[in-house]
C-alpha cells in the first residue's frame, strides 16, 4: 500500500500558500511557484537585514556630518573629540539630536572641541 502522508503534506502546502499571500498571479495560488517565490523572498530578507544596518549607519553619518560642518567642525574631528571626552552617545542618537535639537548638538560640538584642545596640549 502506498503511503502519501497526506495531512502533513497538505498542511505544509497550505502554510506556504498563506505565507505567499500578497504575491502576484500564480506565485500566490500554486504551491510550486509560491514555494520558489518564498525561498527567494526569504533570501532577500536575510541579506537585506544586514544591508539595512549598513544603510542606516551611513545615513546617520551624513546627518551628523552636515550638522557638524554647519557648526564649524568636520565629522571625523567631531567623533574624535567625543571619543576623547568619553561621550557614550552612539551615531543613531547623535543623528537624532542633529536633526531635532540643534542647541544640544551645539553643546556636544563644544564638548568635542574642548576635548580636542586638551588632547593636543597633553604630552603623550
C-alpha atoms as a PDB file:
ATOM      1  CA  UNK A   1       0.000   0.000   0.000  1.00  0.00           C
ATOM      2  CA  UNK A   2       1.288   3.482  -0.923  1.00  0.00           C
ATOM      3  CA  UNK A   3       1.549   5.968   1.948  1.00  0.00           C
ATOM      4  CA  UNK A   4       1.343   9.663   0.993  1.00  0.00           C
ATOM      5  CA  UNK A   5       1.451  11.379   4.390  1.00  0.00           C
ATOM      6  CA  UNK A   6      -1.419  13.455   3.088  1.00  0.00           C
ATOM      7  CA  UNK A   7      -2.385  15.525   6.181  1.00  0.00           C
ATOM      8  CA  UNK A   8       1.183  16.727   6.778  1.00  0.00           C
ATOM      9  CA  UNK A   9       1.760  17.435   3.077  1.00  0.00           C
ATOM     10  CA  UNK A  10      -1.455  19.422   2.819  1.00  0.00           C
ATOM     11  CA  UNK A  11      -0.601  21.368   5.970  1.00  0.00           C
ATOM     12  CA  UNK A  12       2.847  22.214   4.613  1.00  0.00           C
ATOM     13  CA  UNK A  13       1.424  23.347   1.265  1.00  0.00           C
ATOM     14  CA  UNK A  14      -1.269  25.472   2.885  1.00  0.00           C
ATOM     15  CA  UNK A  15       1.363  27.069   5.135  1.00  0.00           C
ATOM     16  CA  UNK A  16       3.429  28.024   2.071  1.00  0.00           C
ATOM     17  CA  UNK A  17       0.396  29.376   0.196  1.00  0.00           C
ATOM     18  CA  UNK A  18      -0.604  31.504   3.209  1.00  0.00           C
ATOM     19  CA  UNK A  19       2.941  32.851   3.520  1.00  0.00           C
ATOM     20  CA  UNK A  20       2.830  33.831  -0.169  1.00  0.00           C
ATOM     21  CA  UNK A  21      -0.263  35.973   0.355  1.00  0.00           C
ATOM     22  CA  UNK A  22       0.174  39.263  -1.457  1.00  0.00           C
ATOM     23  CA  UNK A  23       2.360  37.837  -4.211  1.00  0.00           C
ATOM     24  CA  UNK A  24       1.052  38.320  -7.736  1.00  0.00           C
ATOM     25  CA  UNK A  25      -0.579  35.816 -10.113  1.00  0.00           C
ATOM     26  CA  UNK A  26       0.323  32.130  -9.727  1.00  0.00           C
ATOM     27  CA  UNK A  27       3.035  32.919  -7.166  1.00  0.00           C
ATOM     28  CA  UNK A  28       0.252  33.291  -4.601  1.00  0.00           C
ATOM     29  CA  UNK A  29      -2.031  30.485  -5.814  1.00  0.00           C
ATOM     30  CA  UNK A  30       0.084  27.499  -6.878  1.00  0.00           C
ATOM     31  CA  UNK A  31       2.316  25.668  -4.418  1.00  0.00           C
ATOM     32  CA  UNK A  32       5.224  25.085  -6.774  1.00  0.00           C
ATOM     33  CA  UNK A  33       5.570  28.743  -7.749  1.00  0.00           C
ATOM     34  CA  UNK A  34       4.717  30.042  -4.282  1.00  0.00           C
ATOM     35  CA  UNK A  35       7.435  27.880  -2.757  1.00  0.00           C
ATOM     36  CA  UNK A  36      10.073  29.240  -5.149  1.00  0.00           C
ATOM     37  CA  UNK A  37       8.931  32.826  -4.624  1.00  0.00           C
ATOM     38  CA  UNK A  38       9.002  32.369  -0.858  1.00  0.00           C
ATOM     39  CA  UNK A  39      12.528  30.941  -0.949  1.00  0.00           C
ATOM     40  CA  UNK A  40      13.738  33.938  -2.965  1.00  0.00           C
ATOM     41  CA  UNK A  41      11.917  36.324  -0.670  1.00  0.00           C
ATOM     42  CA  UNK A  42      13.494  34.808   2.414  1.00  0.00           C
ATOM     43  CA  UNK A  43      16.963  35.051   0.863  1.00  0.00           C
ATOM     44  CA  UNK A  44      16.383  38.728   0.125  1.00  0.00           C
ATOM     45  CA  UNK A  45      15.057  39.320   3.647  1.00  0.00           C
ATOM     46  CA  UNK A  46      18.132  37.681   5.217  1.00  0.00           C
ATOM     47  CA  UNK A  47      20.519  39.666   3.022  1.00  0.00           C
ATOM     48  CA  UNK A  48      18.701  42.959   3.487  1.00  0.00           C
ATOM     49  CA  UNK A  49      18.564  42.732   7.268  1.00  0.00           C
ATOM     50  CA  UNK A  50      22.331  43.195   7.101  1.00  0.00           C
ATOM     51  CA  UNK A  51      22.122  45.863   4.385  1.00  0.00           C
ATOM     52  CA  UNK A  52      19.580  47.840   6.401  1.00  0.00           C
ATOM     53  CA  UNK A  53      22.050  48.272   9.262  1.00  0.00           C
ATOM     54  CA  UNK A  54      24.717  49.445   6.827  1.00  0.00           C
ATOM     55  CA  UNK A  55      22.368  51.933   5.156  1.00  0.00           C
ATOM     56  CA  UNK A  56      21.159  53.423   8.418  1.00  0.00           C
ATOM     57  CA  UNK A  57      24.691  53.879   9.726  1.00  0.00           C
ATOM     58  CA  UNK A  58      25.610  55.717   6.505  1.00  0.00           C
ATOM     59  CA  UNK A  59      22.519  57.926   6.842  1.00  0.00           C
ATOM     60  CA  UNK A  60      23.394  58.793  10.438  1.00  0.00           C
ATOM     61  CA  UNK A  61      26.941  59.683   9.406  1.00  0.00           C
ATOM     62  CA  UNK A  62      25.664  62.002   6.673  1.00  0.00           C
ATOM     63  CA  UNK A  63      23.306  63.767   9.099  1.00  0.00           C
ATOM     64  CA  UNK A  64      25.980  64.166  11.772  1.00  0.00           C
ATOM     65  CA  UNK A  65      28.492  65.413   9.203  1.00  0.00           C
ATOM     66  CA  UNK A  66      26.074  68.033   7.831  1.00  0.00           C
ATOM     67  CA  UNK A  67      25.297  69.402  11.286  1.00  0.00           C
ATOM     68  CA  UNK A  68      28.900  69.259  12.428  1.00  0.00           C
ATOM     69  CA  UNK A  69      30.110  71.173   9.366  1.00  0.00           C
ATOM     70  CA  UNK A  70      27.408  73.768   9.950  1.00  0.00           C
ATOM     71  CA  UNK A  71      28.870  74.155  13.448  1.00  0.00           C
ATOM     72  CA  UNK A  72      32.395  74.516  12.054  1.00  0.00           C
ATOM     73  CA  UNK A  73      33.957  71.073  12.604  1.00  0.00           C
ATOM     74  CA  UNK A  74      34.357  68.020  10.389  1.00  0.00           C
ATOM     75  CA  UNK A  75      32.715  64.678  11.111  1.00  0.00           C
ATOM     76  CA  UNK A  76      35.964  62.867  11.852  1.00  0.00           C
ATOM     77  CA  UNK A  77      37.254  65.569  14.220  1.00  0.00           C
ATOM     78  CA  UNK A  78      33.848  65.700  15.925  1.00  0.00           C
ATOM     79  CA  UNK A  79      33.827  61.942  16.535  1.00  0.00           C
ATOM     80  CA  UNK A  80      37.458  62.053  17.682  1.00  0.00           C
ATOM     81  CA  UNK A  81      36.582  64.803  20.152  1.00  0.00           C
ATOM     82  CA  UNK A  82      33.586  62.896  21.504  1.00  0.00           C
ATOM     83  CA  UNK A  83      35.746  59.828  21.980  1.00  0.00           C
ATOM     84  CA  UNK A  84      38.373  61.910  23.798  1.00  0.00           C
ATOM     85  CA  UNK A  85      35.620  63.388  26.004  1.00  0.00           C
ATOM     86  CA  UNK A  86      34.354  59.839  26.797  1.00  0.00           C
ATOM     87  CA  UNK A  87      30.907  60.644  25.419  1.00  0.00           C
ATOM     88  CA  UNK A  88      28.897  57.419  25.141  1.00  0.00           C
ATOM     89  CA  UNK A  89      26.289  58.584  22.608  1.00  0.00           C
ATOM     90  CA  UNK A  90      26.012  56.374  19.545  1.00  0.00           C
ATOM     91  CA  UNK A  91      25.604  57.637  15.982  1.00  0.00           C
ATOM     92  CA  UNK A  92      21.862  56.994  15.982  1.00  0.00           C
ATOM     93  CA  UNK A  93      21.338  59.304  18.965  1.00  0.00           C
ATOM     94  CA  UNK A  94      23.760  61.896  17.603  1.00  0.00           C
ATOM     95  CA  UNK A  95      21.924  61.978  14.267  1.00  0.00           C
ATOM     96  CA  UNK A  96      18.605  62.388  16.065  1.00  0.00           C
ATOM     97  CA  UNK A  97      19.996  65.303  18.083  1.00  0.00           C
ATOM     98  CA  UNK A  98      21.492  66.838  14.933  1.00  0.00           C
ATOM     99  CA  UNK A  99      18.132  66.719  13.170  1.00  0.00           C
ATOM    100  CA  UNK A 100      15.839  67.743  16.057  1.00  0.00           C
ATOM    101  CA  UNK A 101      17.751  69.614  18.742  1.00  0.00           C
ATOM    102  CA  UNK A 102      20.360  71.995  17.361  1.00  0.00           C
ATOM    103  CA  UNK A 103      21.111  73.504  20.779  1.00  0.00           C
ATOM    104  CA  UNK A 104      22.015  70.151  22.342  1.00  0.00           C
ATOM    105  CA  UNK A 105      24.088  69.239  19.291  1.00  0.00           C
ATOM    106  CA  UNK A 106      25.900  72.579  19.589  1.00  0.00           C
ATOM    107  CA  UNK A 107      26.817  71.723  23.182  1.00  0.00           C
ATOM    108  CA  UNK A 108      28.181  68.376  22.017  1.00  0.00           C
ATOM    109  CA  UNK A 109      30.268  70.195  19.394  1.00  0.00           C
ATOM    110  CA  UNK A 110      31.679  72.443  22.143  1.00  0.00           C
ATOM    111  CA  UNK A 111      32.399  69.378  24.273  1.00  0.00           C
ATOM    112  CA  UNK A 112      34.238  67.733  21.370  1.00  0.00           C
ATOM    113  CA  UNK A 113      36.248  70.878  20.592  1.00  0.00           C
ATOM    114  CA  UNK A 114      37.274  71.312  24.221  1.00  0.00           C
ATOM    115  CA  UNK A 115      38.315  67.666  24.443  1.00  0.00           C
ATOM    116  CA  UNK A 116      40.387  68.061  21.272  1.00  0.00           C
ATOM    117  CA  UNK A 117      42.146  71.120  22.718  1.00  0.00           C
ATOM    118  CA  UNK A 118      43.042  69.347  25.961  1.00  0.00           C
ATOM    119  CA  UNK A 119      44.101  66.281  23.991  1.00  0.00           C
ATOM    120  CA  UNK A 120      46.613  68.263  21.937  1.00  0.00           C
ATOM    121  CA  UNK A 121      48.074  70.082  24.966  1.00  0.00           C
ATOM    122  CA  UNK A 122      48.697  66.909  26.978  1.00  0.00           C
ATOM    123  CA  UNK A 123      52.080  65.197  26.479  1.00  0.00           C
ATOM    124  CA  UNK A 124      51.849  61.683  25.089  1.00  0.00           C
END
